[in-house]
Amino acid sequence: MANQQLGESEGAKALVRILLLHRHQQHADVIAGLRAAVELRSCSEDVVALEARKAAQAAGRTPTVTADPAPSGPFEPPGPQLPQVSHLTAHRLAGPLPEDARPLPRLEQWDELLHLRRKDSS
């Protein structure tokens, strides 16, 4: 239905956005939203999301969740912990950087390299 209404490319994008609703809403609510959208003959992700929220509220649940309350599969231990990202903005704004006391680079050697000819080129 989405491909007929929106075309192949846009229809696929709409279906992917509908599938991504599972990130924020429970499975049963998204299914209820899909059923309502099919009854309305609509493939809009907004319709599915709205109907999913209505289904959650009718069931007495919060319409938006960040994860399923109970995992459906067997427990798997989490992967290795990723290092925390350190933001250096506050450190940079704390004070000026010290002056660079290093001497300027010498470029004479680089100039010599520019004038060398390759052995394999004639």
PDB file of N, CA and C in Angstrom:
ATOM      1  N   MET A   1       0.826  -1.182   0.000  1.00  0.00           N
ATOM      2  CA  MET A   1       0.000   0.000   0.000  1.00  0.00           C
ATOM      3  C   MET A   1       0.880   1.259   0.000  1.00  0.00           C
ATOM      4  N   ALA A   2       1.975   1.244   0.780  1.00  0.00           N
ATOM      5  CA  ALA A   2       2.847   2.416   0.844  1.00  0.00           C
ATOM      6  C   ALA A   2       3.498   2.677  -0.499  1.00  0.00           C
ATOM      7  N   ASN A   3       3.921   1.603  -1.191  1.00  0.00           N
ATOM      8  CA  ASN A   3       4.547   1.785  -2.498  1.00  0.00           C
ATOM      9  C   ASN A   3       3.557   2.351  -3.510  1.00  0.00           C
ATOM     10  N   GLN A   4       2.290   1.945  -3.420  1.00  0.00           N
ATOM     11  CA  GLN A   4       1.285   2.451  -4.356  1.00  0.00           C
ATOM     12  C   GLN A   4       0.984   3.916  -4.099  1.00  0.00           C
ATOM     13  N   GLN A   5       0.917   4.300  -2.831  1.00  0.00           N
ATOM     14  CA  GLN A   5       0.558   5.685  -2.507  1.00  0.00           C
ATOM     15  C   GLN A   5       1.716   6.650  -2.641  1.00  0.00           C
ATOM     16  N   LEU A   6       2.907   6.216  -2.235  1.00  0.00           N
ATOM     17  CA  LEU A   6       4.041   7.140  -2.159  1.00  0.00           C
ATOM     18  C   LEU A   6       5.139   6.880  -3.182  1.00  0.00           C
ATOM     19  N   GLY A   7       5.091   5.761  -3.849  1.00  0.00           N
ATOM     20  CA  GLY A   7       6.184   5.377  -4.723  1.00  0.00           C
ATOM     21  C   GLY A   7       7.143   4.468  -3.978  1.00  0.00           C
ATOM     22  N   GLU A   8       7.997   3.786  -4.709  1.00  0.00           N
ATOM     23  CA  GLU A   8       8.862   2.774  -4.087  1.00  0.00           C
ATOM     24  C   GLU A   8       9.834   3.363  -3.068  1.00  0.00           C
ATOM     25  N   SER A   9      10.512   4.425  -3.427  1.00  0.00           N
ATOM     26  CA  SER A   9      11.519   5.007  -2.541  1.00  0.00           C
ATOM     27  C   SER A   9      10.886   5.629  -1.296  1.00  0.00           C
ATOM     28  N   GLU A  10       9.924   6.501  -1.489  1.00  0.00           N
ATOM     29  CA  GLU A  10       9.282   7.176  -0.358  1.00  0.00           C
ATOM     30  C   GLU A  10       8.465   6.198   0.482  1.00  0.00           C
ATOM     31  N   GLY A  11       7.868   5.192  -0.161  1.00  0.00           N
ATOM     32  CA  GLY A  11       7.124   4.172   0.579  1.00  0.00           C
ATOM     33  C   GLY A  11       8.031   3.375   1.492  1.00  0.00           C
ATOM     34  N   ALA A  12       9.224   3.030   1.004  1.00  0.00           N
ATOM     35  CA  ALA A  12      10.189   2.298   1.838  1.00  0.00           C
ATOM     36  C   ALA A  12      10.643   3.159   3.011  1.00  0.00           C
ATOM     37  N   LYS A  13      10.873   4.448   2.768  1.00  0.00           N
ATOM     38  CA  LYS A  13      11.286   5.343   3.850  1.00  0.00           C
ATOM     39  C   LYS A  13      10.199   5.450   4.921  1.00  0.00           C
ATOM     40  N   ALA A  14       8.929   5.535   4.471  1.00  0.00           N
ATOM     41  CA  ALA A  14       7.824   5.631   5.425  1.00  0.00           C
ATOM     42  C   ALA A  14       7.740   4.364   6.269  1.00  0.00           C
ATOM     43  N   LEU A  15       7.913   3.204   5.647  1.00  0.00           N
ATOM     44  CA  LEU A  15       7.852   1.948   6.397  1.00  0.00           C
ATOM     45  C   LEU A  15       9.000   1.835   7.400  1.00  0.00           C
ATOM     46  N   VAL A  16      10.164   2.305   7.035  1.00  0.00           N
ATOM     47  CA  VAL A  16      11.296   2.275   7.969  1.00  0.00           C
ATOM     48  C   VAL A  16      11.010   3.184   9.160  1.00  0.00           C
ATOM     49  N   ARG A  17      10.463   4.362   8.906  1.00  0.00           N
ATOM     50  CA  ARG A  17      10.124   5.268  10.013  1.00  0.00           C
ATOM     51  C   ARG A  17       9.061   4.644  10.915  1.00  0.00           C
ATOM     52  N   ILE A  18       8.125   3.897  10.329  1.00  0.00           N
ATOM     53  CA  ILE A  18       7.115   3.206  11.132  1.00  0.00           C
ATOM     54  C   ILE A  18       7.770   2.135  11.990  1.00  0.00           C
ATOM     55  N   LEU A  19       8.707   1.392  11.414  1.00  0.00           N
ATOM     56  CA  LEU A  19       9.407   0.360  12.185  1.00  0.00           C
ATOM     57  C   LEU A  19      10.222   0.970  13.320  1.00  0.00           C
ATOM     58  N   LEU A  20      10.728   2.174  13.136  1.00  0.00           N
ATOM     59  CA  LEU A  20      11.523   2.832  14.172  1.00  0.00           C
ATOM     60  C   LEU A  20      10.677   3.306  15.352  1.00  0.00           C
ATOM     61  N   LEU A  21       9.353   3.267  15.207  1.00  0.00           N
ATOM     62  CA  LEU A  21       8.494   3.621  16.334  1.00  0.00           C
ATOM     63  C   LEU A  21       8.707   2.674  17.509  1.00  0.00           C
ATOM     64  N   HIS A  22       9.186   1.458  17.231  1.00  0.00           N
ATOM     65  CA  HIS A  22       9.432   0.493  18.308  1.00  0.00           C
ATOM     66  C   HIS A  22      10.509   0.981  19.278  1.00  0.00           C
ATOM     67  N   ARG A  23      11.291   1.942  18.883  1.00  0.00           N
ATOM     68  CA  ARG A  23      12.307   2.482  19.790  1.00  0.00           C
ATOM     69  C   ARG A  23      11.673   3.247  20.939  1.00  0.00           C
ATOM     70  N   HIS A  24      10.494   3.818  20.699  1.00  0.00           N
ATOM     71  CA  HIS A  24       9.890   4.702  21.682  1.00  0.00           C
ATOM     72  C   HIS A  24       8.517   4.251  22.161  1.00  0.00           C
ATOM     73  N   GLN A  25       7.947   3.247  21.506  1.00  0.00           N
ATOM     74  CA  GLN A  25       6.627   2.778  21.897  1.00  0.00           C
ATOM     75  C   GLN A  25       6.640   1.260  21.997  1.00  0.00           C
ATOM     76  N   GLN A  26       5.755   0.739  22.816  1.00  0.00           N
ATOM     77  CA  GLN A  26       5.700  -0.703  23.009  1.00  0.00           C
ATOM     78  C   GLN A  26       5.158  -1.383  21.762  1.00  0.00           C
ATOM     79  N   HIS A  27       5.555  -2.639  21.616  1.00  0.00           N
ATOM     80  CA  HIS A  27       5.216  -3.421  20.427  1.00  0.00           C
ATOM     81  C   HIS A  27       3.703  -3.480  20.200  1.00  0.00           C
ATOM     82  N   ALA A  28       2.955  -3.792  21.251  1.00  0.00           N
ATOM     83  CA  ALA A  28       1.503  -3.935  21.119  1.00  0.00           C
ATOM     84  C   ALA A  28       0.861  -2.633  20.656  1.00  0.00           C
ATOM     85  N   ASP A  29       1.389  -1.517  21.105  1.00  0.00           N
ATOM     86  CA  ASP A  29       0.834  -0.222  20.711  1.00  0.00           C
ATOM     87  C   ASP A  29       1.124   0.077  19.241  1.00  0.00           C
ATOM     88  N   VAL A  30       2.324  -0.255  18.778  1.00  0.00           N
ATOM     89  CA  VAL A  30       2.664  -0.032  17.373  1.00  0.00           C
ATOM     90  C   VAL A  30       1.800  -0.920  16.477  1.00  0.00           C
ATOM     91  N   ILE A  31       1.577  -2.173  16.895  1.00  0.00           N
ATOM     92  CA  ILE A  31       0.721  -3.072  16.115  1.00  0.00           C
ATOM     93  C   ILE A  31      -0.696  -2.514  16.042  1.00  0.00           C
ATOM     94  N   ALA A  32      -1.209  -1.999  17.160  1.00  0.00           N
ATOM     95  CA  ALA A  32      -2.541  -1.381  17.162  1.00  0.00           C
ATOM     96  C   ALA A  32      -2.574  -0.180  16.225  1.00  0.00           C
ATOM     97  N   GLY A  33      -1.504   0.600  16.219  1.00  0.00           N
ATOM     98  CA  GLY A  33      -1.414   1.736  15.311  1.00  0.00           C
ATOM     99  C   GLY A  33      -1.393   1.311  13.858  1.00  0.00           C
ATOM    100  N   LEU A  34      -0.663   0.222  13.563  1.00  0.00           N
ATOM    101  CA  LEU A  34      -0.626  -0.293  12.193  1.00  0.00           C
ATOM    102  C   LEU A  34      -2.003  -0.778  11.751  1.00  0.00           C
ATOM    103  N   ARG A  35      -2.689  -1.496  12.643  1.00  0.00           N
ATOM    104  CA  ARG A  35      -4.028  -1.991  12.295  1.00  0.00           C
ATOM    105  C   ARG A  35      -4.985  -0.840  12.008  1.00  0.00           C
ATOM    106  N   ALA A  36      -4.929   0.191  12.838  1.00  0.00           N
ATOM    107  CA  ALA A  36      -5.813   1.348  12.627  1.00  0.00           C
ATOM    108  C   ALA A  36      -5.471   2.055  11.321  1.00  0.00           C
ATOM    109  N   ALA A  37      -4.180   2.175  10.998  1.00  0.00           N
ATOM    110  CA  ALA A  37      -3.781   2.834   9.757  1.00  0.00           C
ATOM    111  C   ALA A  37      -4.236   2.039   8.544  1.00  0.00           C
ATOM    112  N   VAL A  38      -4.178   0.707   8.627  1.00  0.00           N
ATOM    113  CA  VAL A  38      -4.640  -0.131   7.514  1.00  0.00           C
ATOM    114  C   VAL A  38      -6.145   0.041   7.323  1.00  0.00           C
ATOM    115  N   GLU A  39      -6.887   0.102   8.433  1.00  0.00           N
ATOM    116  CA  GLU A  39      -8.332   0.322   8.336  1.00  0.00           C
ATOM    117  C   GLU A  39      -8.641   1.669   7.675  1.00  0.00           C
ATOM    118  N   LEU A  40      -7.809   2.663   7.954  1.00  0.00           N
ATOM    119  CA  LEU A  40      -7.988   3.986   7.349  1.00  0.00           C
ATOM    120  C   LEU A  40      -7.405   4.068   5.948  1.00  0.00           C
ATOM    121  N   ARG A  41      -6.748   2.993   5.501  1.00  0.00           N
ATOM    122  CA  ARG A  41      -6.072   2.929   4.206  1.00  0.00           C
ATOM    123  C   ARG A  41      -5.034   4.051   4.083  1.00  0.00           C
ATOM    124  N   SER A  42      -4.256   4.213   5.154  1.00  0.00           N
ATOM    125  CA  SER A  42      -3.217   5.229   5.205  1.00  0.00           C
ATOM    126  C   SER A  42      -1.880   4.556   5.495  1.00  0.00           C
ATOM    127  N   CYS A  43      -0.833   5.098   4.922  1.00  0.00           N
ATOM    128  CA  CYS A  43       0.506   4.573   5.206  1.00  0.00           C
ATOM    129  C   CYS A  43       1.384   5.646   5.857  1.00  0.00           C
ATOM    130  N   SER A  44       0.753   6.645   6.415  1.00  0.00           N
ATOM    131  CA  SER A  44       1.488   7.732   7.052  1.00  0.00           C
ATOM    132  C   SER A  44       2.016   7.283   8.415  1.00  0.00           C
ATOM    133  N   GLU A  45       3.289   7.534   8.659  1.00  0.00           N
ATOM    134  CA  GLU A  45       3.864   7.173   9.959  1.00  0.00           C
ATOM    135  C   GLU A  45       3.258   8.014  11.080  1.00  0.00           C
ATOM    136  N   ASP A  46       2.779   9.209  10.740  1.00  0.00           N
ATOM    137  CA  ASP A  46       2.118  10.042  11.748  1.00  0.00           C
ATOM    138  C   ASP A  46       0.814   9.407  12.220  1.00  0.00           C
ATOM    139  N   VAL A  47       0.076   8.807  11.291  1.00  0.00           N
ATOM    140  CA  VAL A  47      -1.174   8.142  11.659  1.00  0.00           C
ATOM    141  C   VAL A  47      -0.878   6.952  12.556  1.00  0.00           C
ATOM    142  N   VAL A  48       0.130   6.166  12.187  1.00  0.00           N
ATOM    143  CA  VAL A  48       0.499   4.989  12.985  1.00  0.00           C
ATOM    144  C   VAL A  48       0.928   5.423  14.381  1.00  0.00           C
ATOM    145  N   ALA A  49       1.758   6.459  14.474  1.00  0.00           N
ATOM    146  CA  ALA A  49       2.243   6.923  15.781  1.00  0.00           C
ATOM    147  C   ALA A  49       1.094   7.451  16.637  1.00  0.00           C
ATOM    148  N   LEU A  50       0.196   8.214  16.029  1.00  0.00           N
ATOM    149  CA  LEU A  50      -0.933   8.767  16.777  1.00  0.00           C
ATOM    150  C   LEU A  50      -1.844   7.656  17.288  1.00  0.00           C
ATOM    151  N   GLU A  51      -2.153   6.689  16.413  1.00  0.00           N
ATOM    152  CA  GLU A  51      -3.022   5.584  16.821  1.00  0.00           C
ATOM    153  C   GLU A  51      -2.337   4.702  17.870  1.00  0.00           C
ATOM    154  N   ALA A  52      -1.009   4.571  17.787  1.00  0.00           N
ATOM    155  CA  ALA A  52      -0.276   3.801  18.803  1.00  0.00           C
ATOM    156  C   ALA A  52      -0.354   4.508  20.156  1.00  0.00           C
ATOM    157  N   ARG A  53      -0.236   5.828  20.155  1.00  0.00           N
ATOM    158  CA  ARG A  53      -0.361   6.582  21.407  1.00  0.00           C
ATOM    159  C   ARG A  53      -1.767   6.450  21.992  1.00  0.00           C
ATOM    160  N   LYS A  54      -2.778   6.499  21.118  1.00  0.00           N
ATOM    161  CA  LYS A  54      -4.160   6.329  21.578  1.00  0.00           C
ATOM    162  C   LYS A  54      -4.356   4.946  22.207  1.00  0.00           C
ATOM    163  N   ALA A  55      -3.781   3.914  21.580  1.00  0.00           N
ATOM    164  CA  ALA A  55      -3.908   2.555  22.112  1.00  0.00           C
ATOM    165  C   ALA A  55      -3.243   2.443  23.472  1.00  0.00           C
ATOM    166  N   ALA A  56      -2.096   3.077  23.648  1.00  0.00           N
ATOM    167  CA  ALA A  56      -1.395   3.034  24.936  1.00  0.00           C
ATOM    168  C   ALA A  56      -2.211   3.738  26.011  1.00  0.00           C
ATOM    169  N   GLN A  57      -2.749   4.893  25.685  1.00  0.00           N
ATOM    170  CA  GLN A  57      -3.548   5.628  26.662  1.00  0.00           C
ATOM    171  C   GLN A  57      -4.828   4.878  27.010  1.00  0.00           C
ATOM    172  N   ALA A  58      -5.444   4.215  26.015  1.00  0.00           N
ATOM    173  CA  ALA A  58      -6.661   3.450  26.275  1.00  0.00           C
ATOM    174  C   ALA A  58      -6.370   2.268  27.192  1.00  0.00           C
ATOM    175  N   ALA A  59      -5.162   1.721  27.111  1.00  0.00           N
ATOM    176  CA  ALA A  59      -4.777   0.583  27.957  1.00  0.00           C
ATOM    177  C   ALA A  59      -4.253   1.051  29.320  1.00  0.00           C
ATOM    178  N   GLY A  60      -4.185   2.360  29.533  1.00  0.00           N
ATOM    179  CA  GLY A  60      -3.728   2.888  30.814  1.00  0.00           C
ATOM    180  C   GLY A  60      -2.222   2.937  30.958  1.00  0.00           C
ATOM    181  N   ARG A  61      -1.507   2.870  29.840  1.00  0.00           N
ATOM    182  CA  ARG A  61      -0.038   2.937  29.867  1.00  0.00           C
ATOM    183  C   ARG A  61       0.405   4.311  29.386  1.00  0.00           C
ATOM    184  N   THR A  62       1.632   4.651  29.724  1.00  0.00           N
ATOM    185  CA  THR A  62       2.208   5.874  29.195  1.00  0.00           C
ATOM    186  C   THR A  62       2.433   5.670  27.694  1.00  0.00           C
ATOM    187  N   PRO A  63       2.104   6.653  26.855  1.00  0.00           N
ATOM    188  CA  PRO A  63       2.196   6.433  25.415  1.00  0.00           C
ATOM    189  C   PRO A  63       3.613   6.380  24.871  1.00  0.00           C
ATOM    190  N   THR A  64       4.574   6.871  25.602  1.00  0.00           N
ATOM    191  CA  THR A  64       5.943   6.875  25.104  1.00  0.00           C
ATOM    192  C   THR A  64       6.841   6.187  26.106  1.00  0.00           C
ATOM    193  N   VAL A  65       7.628   5.250  25.627  1.00  0.00           N
ATOM    194  CA  VAL A  65       8.581   4.538  26.469  1.00  0.00           C
ATOM    195  C   VAL A  65       9.941   4.616  25.805  1.00  0.00           C
ATOM    196  N   THR A  66      10.968   4.387  26.591  1.00  0.00           N
ATOM    197  CA  THR A  66      12.307   4.382  26.011  1.00  0.00           C
ATOM    198  C   THR A  66      12.806   2.966  25.776  1.00  0.00           C
ATOM    199  N   ALA A  67      12.167   1.974  26.377  1.00  0.00           N
ATOM    200  CA  ALA A  67      12.542   0.580  26.163  1.00  0.00           C
ATOM    201  C   ALA A  67      11.379  -0.291  26.601  1.00  0.00           C
ATOM    202  N   ASP A  68      11.364  -1.532  26.150  1.00  0.00           N
ATOM    203  CA  ASP A  68      10.338  -2.468  26.580  1.00  0.00           C
ATOM    204  C   ASP A  68      10.510  -2.742  28.066  1.00  0.00           C
ATOM    205  N   PRO A  69       9.406  -2.861  28.814  1.00  0.00           N
ATOM    206  CA  PRO A  69       9.527  -3.100  30.243  1.00  0.00           C
ATOM    207  C   PRO A  69      10.110  -4.467  30.571  1.00  0.00           C
ATOM    208  N   ALA A  70       9.859  -5.464  29.751  1.00  0.00           N
ATOM    209  CA  ALA A  70      10.398  -6.801  30.000  1.00  0.00           C
ATOM    210  C   ALA A  70      11.037  -7.316  28.722  1.00  0.00           C
ATOM    211  N   PRO A  71      12.287  -7.775  28.773  1.00  0.00           N
ATOM    212  CA  PRO A  71      12.911  -8.312  27.567  1.00  0.00           C
ATOM    213  C   PRO A  71      12.225  -9.604  27.149  1.00  0.00           C
ATOM    214  N   SER A  72      12.096  -9.798  25.843  1.00  0.00           N
ATOM    215  CA  SER A  72      11.385 -10.963  25.338  1.00  0.00           C
ATOM    216  C   SER A  72      12.290 -12.180  25.177  1.00  0.00           C
ATOM    217  N   GLY A  73      13.582 -11.998  25.067  1.00  0.00           N
ATOM    218  CA  GLY A  73      14.490 -13.111  24.846  1.00  0.00           C
ATOM    219  C   GLY A  73      15.316 -13.427  26.072  1.00  0.00           C
ATOM    220  N   PRO A  74      16.230 -14.382  25.939  1.00  0.00           N
ATOM    221  CA  PRO A  74      17.099 -14.712  27.078  1.00  0.00           C
ATOM    222  C   PRO A  74      18.044 -13.564  27.394  1.00  0.00           C
ATOM    223  N   PHE A  75      18.454 -13.508  28.652  1.00  0.00           N
ATOM    224  CA  PHE A  75      19.342 -12.436  29.088  1.00  0.00           C
ATOM    225  C   PHE A  75      20.721 -12.623  28.484  1.00  0.00           C
ATOM    226  N   GLU A  76      21.260 -11.551  27.950  1.00  0.00           N
ATOM    227  CA  GLU A  76      22.632 -11.553  27.453  1.00  0.00           C
ATOM    228  C   GLU A  76      23.394 -10.474  28.193  1.00  0.00           C
ATOM    229  N   PRO A  77      24.599 -10.802  28.681  1.00  0.00           N
ATOM    230  CA  PRO A  77      25.366  -9.783  29.393  1.00  0.00           C
ATOM    231  C   PRO A  77      25.725  -8.644  28.453  1.00  0.00           C
ATOM    232  N   PRO A  78      25.812  -7.427  28.977  1.00  0.00           N
ATOM    233  CA  PRO A  78      26.169  -6.295  28.131  1.00  0.00           C
ATOM    234  C   PRO A  78      27.596  -6.426  27.620  1.00  0.00           C
ATOM    235  N   GLY A  79      27.840  -5.778  26.507  1.00  0.00           N
ATOM    236  CA  GLY A  79      29.170  -5.802  25.909  1.00  0.00           C
ATOM    237  C   GLY A  79      30.148  -4.975  26.723  1.00  0.00           C
ATOM    238  N   PRO A  80      31.375  -4.864  26.252  1.00  0.00           N
ATOM    239  CA  PRO A  80      32.366  -4.076  26.988  1.00  0.00           C
ATOM    240  C   PRO A  80      31.941  -2.614  27.070  1.00  0.00           C
ATOM    241  N   GLN A  81      32.259  -2.016  28.197  1.00  0.00           N
ATOM    242  CA  GLN A  81      31.892  -0.616  28.417  1.00  0.00           C
ATOM    243  C   GLN A  81      32.739   0.284  27.530  1.00  0.00           C
ATOM    244  N   LEU A  82      32.085   1.198  26.871  1.00  0.00           N
ATOM    245  CA  LEU A  82      32.797   2.156  26.047  1.00  0.00           C
ATOM    246  C   LEU A  82      33.333   3.274  26.937  1.00  0.00           C
ATOM    247  N   PRO A  83      34.470   3.833  26.592  1.00  0.00           N
ATOM    248  CA  PRO A  83      34.997   4.924  27.412  1.00  0.00           C
ATOM    249  C   PRO A  83      34.081   6.145  27.339  1.00  0.00           C
ATOM    250  N   GLN A  84      34.041   6.878  28.434  1.00  0.00           N
ATOM    251  CA  GLN A  84      33.231   8.091  28.478  1.00  0.00           C
ATOM    252  C   GLN A  84      33.908   9.174  27.637  1.00  0.00           C
ATOM    253  N   VAL A  85      33.100   9.947  26.958  1.00  0.00           N
ATOM    254  CA  VAL A  85      33.615  11.037  26.142  1.00  0.00           C
ATOM    255  C   VAL A  85      33.880  12.236  27.039  1.00  0.00           C
ATOM    256  N   SER A  86      35.080  12.779  26.945  1.00  0.00           N
ATOM    257  CA  SER A  86      35.437  13.959  27.728  1.00  0.00           C
ATOM    258  C   SER A  86      35.313  15.186  26.838  1.00  0.00           C
ATOM    259  N   HIS A  87      34.536  16.139  27.286  1.00  0.00           N
ATOM    260  CA  HIS A  87      34.389  17.376  26.533  1.00  0.00           C
ATOM    261  C   HIS A  87      35.418  18.378  27.053  1.00  0.00           C
ATOM    262  N   LEU A  88      36.183  18.916  26.140  1.00  0.00           N
ATOM    263  CA  LEU A  88      37.285  19.792  26.519  1.00  0.00           C
ATOM    264  C   LEU A  88      36.921  21.275  26.446  1.00  0.00           C
ATOM    265  N   THR A  89      35.688  21.580  26.136  1.00  0.00           N
ATOM    266  CA  THR A  89      35.301  22.978  25.996  1.00  0.00           C
ATOM    267  C   THR A  89      35.526  23.753  27.288  1.00  0.00           C
ATOM    268  N   ALA A  90      35.097  23.184  28.407  1.00  0.00           N
ATOM    269  CA  ALA A  90      35.267  23.890  29.684  1.00  0.00           C
ATOM    270  C   ALA A  90      36.748  24.069  30.001  1.00  0.00           C
ATOM    271  N   HIS A  91      37.563  23.080  29.685  1.00  0.00           N
ATOM    272  CA  HIS A  91      38.994  23.178  29.937  1.00  0.00           C
ATOM    273  C   HIS A  91      39.622  24.275  29.079  1.00  0.00           C
ATOM    274  N   ARG A  92      39.190  24.338  27.794  1.00  0.00           N
ATOM    275  CA  ARG A  92      39.737  25.358  26.904  1.00  0.00           C
ATOM    276  C   ARG A  92      39.319  26.751  27.329  1.00  0.00           C
ATOM    277  N   LEU A  93      38.117  26.880  27.830  1.00  0.00           N
ATOM    278  CA  LEU A  93      37.625  28.205  28.221  1.00  0.00           C
ATOM    279  C   LEU A  93      38.133  28.633  29.593  1.00  0.00           C
ATOM    280  N   ALA A  94      38.769  27.724  30.339  1.00  0.00           N
ATOM    281  CA  ALA A  94      39.225  28.038  31.690  1.00  0.00           C
ATOM    282  C   ALA A  94      40.331  29.084  31.685  1.00  0.00           C
ATOM    283  N   GLY A  95      41.163  29.095  30.682  1.00  0.00           N
ATOM    284  CA  GLY A  95      42.247  30.072  30.644  1.00  0.00           C
ATOM    285  C   GLY A  95      42.930  30.033  29.294  1.00  0.00           C
ATOM    286  N   PRO A  96      43.739  31.047  29.015  1.00  0.00           N
ATOM    287  CA  PRO A  96      44.419  31.071  27.718  1.00  0.00           C
ATOM    288  C   PRO A  96      45.502  29.991  27.646  1.00  0.00           C
ATOM    289  N   LEU A  97      45.794  29.591  26.451  1.00  0.00           N
ATOM    290  CA  LEU A  97      46.856  28.610  26.248  1.00  0.00           C
ATOM    291  C   LEU A  97      48.209  29.274  26.478  1.00  0.00           C
ATOM    292  N   PRO A  98      49.187  28.508  26.964  1.00  0.00           N
ATOM    293  CA  PRO A  98      50.522  29.103  27.129  1.00  0.00           C
ATOM    294  C   PRO A  98      51.136  29.383  25.765  1.00  0.00           C
ATOM    295  N   GLU A  99      52.034  30.354  25.753  1.00  0.00           N
ATOM    296  CA  GLU A  99      52.683  30.689  24.492  1.00  0.00           C
ATOM    297  C   GLU A  99      53.573  29.550  24.031  1.00  0.00           C
ATOM    298  N   ASP A 100      53.655  29.393  22.728  1.00  0.00           N
ATOM    299  CA  ASP A 100      54.478  28.340  22.137  1.00  0.00           C
ATOM    300  C   ASP A 100      55.904  28.880  22.015  1.00  0.00           C
ATOM    301  N   ALA A 101      56.846  28.284  22.745  1.00  0.00           N
ATOM    302  CA  ALA A 101      58.223  28.758  22.746  1.00  0.00           C
ATOM    303  C   ALA A 101      59.095  28.002  21.752  1.00  0.00           C
ATOM    304  N   ARG A 102      58.499  27.107  20.993  1.00  0.00           N
ATOM    305  CA  ARG A 102      59.309  26.344  20.037  1.00  0.00           C
ATOM    306  C   ARG A 102      59.750  27.233  18.877  1.00  0.00           C
ATOM    307  N   PRO A 103      60.930  26.953  18.304  1.00  0.00           N
ATOM    308  CA  PRO A 103      61.369  27.753  17.158  1.00  0.00           C
ATOM    309  C   PRO A 103      60.531  27.409  15.917  1.00  0.00           C
ATOM    310  N   LEU A 104      60.475  28.335  14.991  1.00  0.00           N
ATOM    311  CA  LEU A 104      59.762  28.080  13.749  1.00  0.00           C
ATOM    312  C   LEU A 104      60.468  26.975  12.971  1.00  0.00           C
ATOM    313  N   PRO A 105      59.749  26.187  12.210  1.00  0.00           N
ATOM    314  CA  PRO A 105      60.392  25.108  11.449  1.00  0.00           C
ATOM    315  C   PRO A 105      61.275  25.677  10.341  1.00  0.00           C
ATOM    316  N   ARG A 106      62.303  24.920  10.019  1.00  0.00           N
ATOM    317  CA  ARG A 106      63.200  25.302   8.934  1.00  0.00           C
ATOM    318  C   ARG A 106      62.746  24.591   7.678  1.00  0.00           C
ATOM    319  N   LEU A 107      62.611  25.337   6.604  1.00  0.00           N
ATOM    320  CA  LEU A 107      62.060  24.775   5.375  1.00  0.00           C
ATOM    321  C   LEU A 107      63.101  24.556   4.284  1.00  0.00           C
ATOM    322  N   GLU A 108      64.378  24.808   4.581  1.00  0.00           N
ATOM    323  CA  GLU A 108      65.396  24.655   3.540  1.00  0.00           C
ATOM    324  C   GLU A 108      65.456  23.217   3.037  1.00  0.00           C
ATOM    325  N   GLN A 109      65.332  22.258   3.926  1.00  0.00           N
ATOM    326  CA  GLN A 109      65.395  20.851   3.511  1.00  0.00           C
ATOM    327  C   GLN A 109      64.220  20.498   2.601  1.00  0.00           C
ATOM    328  N   TRP A 110      63.076  21.061   2.857  1.00  0.00           N
ATOM    329  CA  TRP A 110      61.923  20.778   2.015  1.00  0.00           C
ATOM    330  C   TRP A 110      62.118  21.380   0.631  1.00  0.00           C
ATOM    331  N   ASP A 111      62.704  22.554   0.562  1.00  0.00           N
ATOM    332  CA  ASP A 111      62.979  23.162  -0.736  1.00  0.00           C
ATOM    333  C   ASP A 111      63.921  22.285  -1.545  1.00  0.00           C
ATOM    334  N   GLU A 112      64.912  21.678  -0.897  1.00  0.00           N
ATOM    335  CA  GLU A 112      65.828  20.776  -1.592  1.00  0.00           C
ATOM    336  C   GLU A 112      65.084  19.566  -2.138  1.00  0.00           C
ATOM    337  N   LEU A 113      64.137  19.043  -1.403  1.00  0.00           N
ATOM    338  CA  LEU A 113      63.369  17.885  -1.862  1.00  0.00           C
ATOM    339  C   LEU A 113      62.535  18.214  -3.094  1.00  0.00           C
ATOM    340  N   LEU A 114      62.063  19.429  -3.174  1.00  0.00           N
ATOM    341  CA  LEU A 114      61.258  19.811  -4.324  1.00  0.00           C
ATOM    342  C   LEU A 114      62.070  19.804  -5.617  1.00  0.00           C
ATOM    343  N   HIS A 115      63.369  20.061  -5.526  1.00  0.00           N
ATOM    344  CA  HIS A 115      64.206  20.151  -6.719  1.00  0.00           C
ATOM    345  C   HIS A 115      64.833  18.820  -7.093  1.00  0.00           C
ATOM    346  N   LEU A 116      64.702  17.819  -6.255  1.00  0.00           N
ATOM    347  CA  LEU A 116      65.247  16.506  -6.601  1.00  0.00           C
ATOM    348  C   LEU A 116      64.393  15.857  -7.677  1.00  0.00           C
ATOM    349  N   ARG A 117      65.047  15.114  -8.578  1.00  0.00           N
ATOM    350  CA  ARG A 117      64.326  14.392  -9.608  1.00  0.00           C
ATOM    351  C   ARG A 117      64.262  12.931  -9.214  1.00  0.00           C
ATOM    352  N   ARG A 118      63.185  12.301  -9.553  1.00  0.00           N
ATOM    353  CA  ARG A 118      63.057  10.865  -9.292  1.00  0.00           C
ATOM    354  C   ARG A 118      63.977  10.092 -10.205  1.00  0.00           C
ATOM    355  N   LYS A 119      64.457   8.966  -9.703  1.00  0.00           N
ATOM    356  CA  LYS A 119      65.361   8.146 -10.501  1.00  0.00           C
ATOM    357  C   LYS A 119      64.624   7.481 -11.658  1.00  0.00           C
ATOM    358  N   ASP A 120      63.344   7.127 -11.450  1.00  0.00           N
ATOM    359  CA  ASP A 120      62.612   6.406 -12.497  1.00  0.00           C
ATOM    360  C   ASP A 120      62.005   7.350 -13.538  1.00  0.00           C
ATOM    361  N   SER A 121      62.004   8.649 -13.306  1.00  0.00           N
ATOM    362  CA  SER A 121      61.449   9.576 -14.293  1.00  0.00           C
ATOM    363  C   SER A 121      62.597  10.173 -15.118  1.00  0.00           C
ATOM    364  N   SER A 122      62.330  10.415 -16.386  1.00  0.00           N
ATOM    365  CA  SER A 122      63.357  10.980 -17.258  1.00  0.00           C
ATOM    366  C   SER A 122      62.916  12.290 -17.830  1.00  0.00           C
TER     367      SER A 122
END
